[in-house]
Amino acid sequence: MHKHILIATDGSKLAEKAVVAGLELAKQFGAKFTAVTVSEPQTHLAPDTGFYELPADDNDALDILEGVDKKASGLDVRCETVHIKNQYPADAILREAKARDCDLIVMSSHGRRALGRALLGGEAVRVVTHSAVPVLVCK
């Protein structure tokens, strides 16, 4: 049914559920998948208040994606990983899904961004609202 699944992760425990669900679907359908993590731009409007965590550097993103790659290898699933820097998650996820011709997006309903979600609306809501392909939201 699905040929290319995009799995979005921020490395949180909740996002891990989306990774596992996406991997299981990829294995079941014989689909390839792309795991993506996004490092948001730091702005003066969202200082480091301690309420949510931004990746400190590229190593954090690489560690997240390496963990996904290891899980995929264990299930014998084809995997690509992508770190998108300095972009907002929903925009980057939607752009990446379109660019890679993905036919399903898998993500969690929220992660580490509690303050931003309360003020701006959840990234999952933005992806679901604007996606041209189905979105599986894991809780």
Protein backbone atom coordinates (compact mmCIF):
# COMPACT_ATOMS: atom_id res chain seq x y z
CA MET A 1 0.00 0.00 0.00
CA HIS A 2 2.59 2.59 1.06
CA LYS A 3 5.88 2.81 -0.79
CA HIS A 4 7.75 5.60 1.01
CA ILE A 5 7.07 6.63 4.60
CA LEU A 6 8.45 9.79 6.21
CA ILE A 7 8.95 9.49 9.96
CA ALA A 8 9.48 12.73 11.86
CA THR A 9 11.24 12.56 15.21
CA ASP A 10 12.64 14.99 17.74
CA GLY A 11 14.24 12.26 19.84
CA SER A 12 11.64 12.46 22.62
CA LYS A 13 10.10 9.39 24.25
CA LEU A 14 6.78 10.15 22.58
CA ALA A 15 8.40 10.51 19.18
CA GLU A 16 9.92 7.07 19.75
CA LYS A 17 6.40 5.63 19.48
CA ALA A 18 6.07 7.18 16.03
CA VAL A 19 9.43 5.75 14.99
CA VAL A 20 8.43 2.25 16.10
CA ALA A 21 5.00 2.51 14.43
CA GLY A 22 6.53 3.84 11.21
CA LEU A 23 9.15 1.11 11.12
CA GLU A 24 6.52 -1.59 11.64
CA LEU A 25 4.46 -0.16 8.79
CA ALA A 26 7.51 0.06 6.53
CA LYS A 27 8.34 -3.57 7.24
CA GLN A 28 4.74 -4.70 6.74
CA PHE A 29 4.37 -2.89 3.40
CA GLY A 30 7.92 -3.48 2.19
CA ALA A 31 8.26 0.30 1.99
CA LYS A 32 11.38 2.37 2.33
CA PHE A 33 11.33 5.16 4.84
CA THR A 34 13.04 8.41 5.56
CA ALA A 35 13.57 9.58 9.13
CA VAL A 36 13.78 13.33 9.56
CA THR A 37 14.67 15.53 12.49
CA VAL A 38 14.49 19.30 12.37
CA SER A 39 16.58 21.83 14.28
CA GLU A 40 14.55 24.98 14.69
CA PRO A 41 15.96 28.46 14.25
CA GLN A 42 16.73 30.22 17.50
CA THR A 43 15.10 33.62 17.60
CA HIS A 44 15.03 36.45 20.06
CA LEU A 45 11.29 35.78 20.46
CA ALA A 46 11.91 32.33 21.95
CA PRO A 47 14.84 32.62 24.35
CA ASP A 48 16.14 29.62 26.23
CA THR A 49 13.66 29.60 29.12
CA GLY A 50 14.21 26.00 30.11
CA PHE A 51 10.61 25.06 29.25
CA TYR A 52 11.60 23.22 26.12
CA GLU A 53 14.79 21.93 24.66
CA LEU A 54 16.39 22.80 21.35
CA PRO A 55 19.12 20.58 19.97
CA ALA A 56 22.43 21.97 21.20
CA ASP A 57 24.28 21.10 18.03
CA ASP A 58 24.44 18.82 15.02
CA ASN A 59 25.59 15.95 17.23
CA ASP A 60 22.20 15.80 18.95
CA ALA A 61 20.41 15.45 15.63
CA LEU A 62 22.93 12.89 14.42
CA ASP A 63 22.46 10.84 17.60
CA ILE A 64 18.68 10.87 17.10
CA LEU A 65 18.98 9.72 13.50
CA GLU A 66 21.63 7.11 14.31
CA GLY A 67 19.22 5.56 16.82
CA VAL A 68 16.49 5.34 14.18
CA ASP A 69 18.92 3.84 11.67
CA LYS A 70 19.94 1.14 14.16
CA LYS A 71 16.30 0.21 14.78
CA ALA A 72 15.67 0.03 11.03
CA SER A 73 18.71 -2.17 10.48
CA GLY A 74 17.46 -4.52 13.18
CA LEU A 75 14.19 -4.93 11.26
CA ASP A 76 15.91 -5.11 7.86
CA VAL A 77 14.10 -1.99 6.61
CA ARG A 78 15.62 0.41 4.05
CA CYS A 79 16.27 3.72 5.75
CA GLU A 80 17.46 7.20 4.85
CA THR A 81 18.03 9.88 7.46
CA VAL A 82 17.84 13.64 7.07
CA HIS A 83 18.70 16.47 9.43
CA ILE A 84 17.09 19.74 8.40
CA LYS A 85 18.65 22.76 10.04
CA ASN A 86 17.26 26.15 10.93
CA GLN A 87 13.66 25.54 9.84
CA TYR A 88 10.32 25.17 11.57
CA PRO A 89 9.33 21.51 11.95
CA ALA A 90 5.95 21.45 10.21
CA ASP A 91 7.21 23.37 7.19
CA ALA A 92 10.33 21.22 6.90
CA ILE A 93 8.42 17.95 7.32
CA LEU A 94 5.87 18.86 4.64
CA ARG A 95 8.56 20.06 2.24
CA GLU A 96 10.65 16.92 2.76
CA ALA A 97 7.66 14.61 2.29
CA LYS A 98 6.83 16.30 -1.00
CA ALA A 99 10.43 16.38 -2.24
CA ARG A 100 10.87 12.66 -1.56
CA ASP A 101 7.43 11.71 -2.91
CA CYS A 102 6.41 10.14 0.40
CA ASP A 103 2.91 8.71 0.59
CA LEU A 104 2.59 8.66 4.40
CA ILE A 105 3.91 10.84 7.24
CA VAL A 106 4.26 9.35 10.73
CA MET A 107 4.85 11.59 13.73
CA SER A 108 3.94 12.02 17.39
CA SER A 109 1.31 14.40 18.65
CA HIS A 110 3.81 16.43 20.64
CA GLY A 111 7.33 16.30 21.93
CA ARG A 112 9.64 18.62 23.79
CA ARG A 113 8.05 21.84 22.66
CA ALA A 114 5.34 22.36 25.27
CA LEU A 115 5.65 26.14 25.53
CA GLY A 116 5.75 26.70 21.78
CA ARG A 117 2.83 24.33 21.27
CA ALA A 118 0.72 26.19 23.82
CA LEU A 119 1.41 29.53 22.16
CA LEU A 120 1.47 28.62 18.48
CA GLY A 121 -0.44 25.36 18.04
CA GLY A 122 1.09 21.93 17.64
CA GLU A 123 3.39 20.97 14.81
CA ALA A 124 1.34 17.80 14.29
CA VAL A 125 -1.78 19.90 13.79
CA ARG A 126 0.02 21.98 11.18
CA VAL A 127 1.24 18.90 9.34
CA VAL A 128 -2.19 17.24 9.39
CA THR A 129 -3.87 20.45 8.24
CA HIS A 130 -1.53 21.12 5.33
CA SER A 131 -0.43 17.66 4.21
CA ALA A 132 -1.39 16.34 0.79
CA VAL A 133 -0.76 12.76 1.99
CA PRO A 134 -2.12 10.81 4.97
CA VAL A 135 -0.59 11.53 8.37
CA LEU A 136 -0.46 8.96 11.17
CA VAL A 137 -0.25 10.73 14.52
CA CYS A 138 0.96 8.55 17.40
CA LYS A 139 0.23 9.26 21.05
